[in-house]
Structure formats: C-alpha cells, structure tokens
C-alpha cells in the first residue's frame, strides 16, 4: 500500500455486513493509511451511509479522527490521520 488510501466497495451488502466490513478495514489499517474510502452508492446506499456516520462519529472508534463526504454522495471517507 503506497497511496495511504484504502477503498472498500460496500455495494450489495446489508447494513450490518457493511459496518462489519468497515470496522474490519479500520482495525487492520496500518499506520501508513490515512483514509478509508467507503463506496456505498447513493440510491440504495443511504442507509449504509447513515449507519457509517452513526457508527464512526463522536469518537466512537479511536482510530477514526473524523468522517467526511467523498468526491460524490455515494462515498464516505473515514479519516484516520491528517496529512
């Protein structure tokens, strides 16, 4: 991993599965990773987006510093460290 960004495709997963997959990626992220880009889509992916925001906001996960919207509404990014 040289880019510092992990992309995770959550299309086709149920909300619970998507959260577990996101949690797994956060847990195994090395110190070289600064963003985990979660691709959930924006038509059927809004429930996943909302669940991600609920799960990782307010300091609930010590590795996630903040959450931001990606380059489009179908992407949510978990910022693990600032550049």
Protein backbone atom coordinates (compact mmCIF):
# COMPACT_ATOMS: atom_id res chain seq x y z
CA UNK A 1 0.00 0.00 0.00
CA UNK A 2 1.73 3.14 -1.15
CA UNK A 3 -1.13 5.58 -1.60
CA UNK A 4 -2.31 5.75 2.00
CA UNK A 5 -5.92 5.25 0.88
CA UNK A 6 -7.91 2.03 1.15
CA UNK A 7 -11.04 1.75 -1.00
CA UNK A 8 -13.78 -0.58 0.20
CA UNK A 9 -16.77 -1.39 -2.01
CA UNK A 10 -19.89 -1.92 0.10
CA UNK A 11 -22.37 -2.33 -2.79
CA UNK A 12 -24.74 -5.25 -2.33
CA UNK A 13 -24.15 -5.61 1.40
CA UNK A 14 -26.75 -5.30 4.10
CA UNK A 15 -26.20 -2.51 6.62
CA UNK A 16 -24.84 -4.87 9.30
CA UNK A 17 -22.45 -6.53 6.84
CA UNK A 18 -21.22 -3.15 5.58
CA UNK A 19 -20.49 -1.91 9.11
CA UNK A 20 -18.60 -5.11 9.97
CA UNK A 21 -16.53 -4.81 6.79
CA UNK A 22 -15.75 -1.15 7.52
CA UNK A 23 -14.80 -1.96 11.12
CA UNK A 24 -12.52 -4.74 9.91
CA UNK A 25 -10.73 -2.40 7.49
CA UNK A 26 -10.24 0.23 10.22
CA UNK A 27 -8.91 -2.39 12.62
CA UNK A 28 -6.34 -3.80 10.19
CA UNK A 29 -5.24 -0.44 8.69
CA UNK A 30 -1.52 0.15 9.08
CA UNK A 31 -0.03 3.44 10.21
CA UNK A 32 0.60 4.36 6.55
CA UNK A 33 -3.14 4.55 5.85
CA UNK A 34 -4.75 7.94 6.34
CA UNK A 35 -8.14 7.49 4.65
CA UNK A 36 -10.52 4.58 4.25
CA UNK A 37 -12.86 5.35 1.36
CA UNK A 38 -16.17 3.53 1.74
CA UNK A 39 -18.10 3.24 -1.52
CA UNK A 40 -21.76 2.61 -0.72
CA UNK A 41 -23.67 4.27 -3.54
CA UNK A 42 -26.29 6.97 -3.15
CA UNK A 43 -29.53 5.40 -4.26
CA UNK A 44 -29.69 2.29 -2.11
CA UNK A 45 -26.59 3.19 -0.13
CA UNK A 46 -28.05 5.95 2.01
CA UNK A 47 -28.92 3.56 4.86
CA UNK A 48 -25.33 2.32 4.83
CA UNK A 49 -24.05 5.92 4.78
CA UNK A 50 -26.23 6.84 7.75
CA UNK A 51 -25.11 3.75 9.67
CA UNK A 52 -21.44 4.53 8.96
CA UNK A 53 -21.89 8.06 10.24
CA UNK A 54 -23.60 6.76 13.37
CA UNK A 55 -21.01 4.05 14.00
CA UNK A 56 -17.84 6.09 13.48
CA UNK A 57 -18.82 9.60 14.63
CA UNK A 58 -18.39 11.23 18.03
CA UNK A 59 -15.12 9.45 18.83
CA UNK A 60 -16.69 6.01 18.97
CA UNK A 61 -13.67 4.47 17.26
CA UNK A 62 -10.30 5.67 18.50
CA UNK A 63 -8.62 5.25 15.10
CA UNK A 64 -11.17 7.39 13.21
CA UNK A 65 -10.43 11.09 13.67
CA UNK A 66 -13.34 12.36 11.56
CA UNK A 67 -15.75 11.47 8.77
CA UNK A 68 -16.13 13.37 5.52
CA UNK A 69 -18.11 13.03 2.33
CA UNK A 70 -16.12 11.76 -0.61
CA UNK A 71 -15.97 13.13 -4.13
CA UNK A 72 -19.66 12.25 -4.62
CA UNK A 73 -22.65 11.42 -2.37
CA UNK A 74 -22.03 7.68 -2.79
CA UNK A 75 -18.71 7.80 -0.95
CA UNK A 76 -17.94 8.36 2.73
CA UNK A 77 -14.35 8.70 3.90
CA UNK A 78 -13.03 7.80 7.32
CA UNK A 79 -10.02 9.97 8.13
CA UNK A 80 -7.56 8.07 10.31
CA UNK A 81 -4.91 10.78 10.34
CA UNK A 82 -4.44 14.19 8.81
CA UNK A 83 -1.85 14.76 6.09
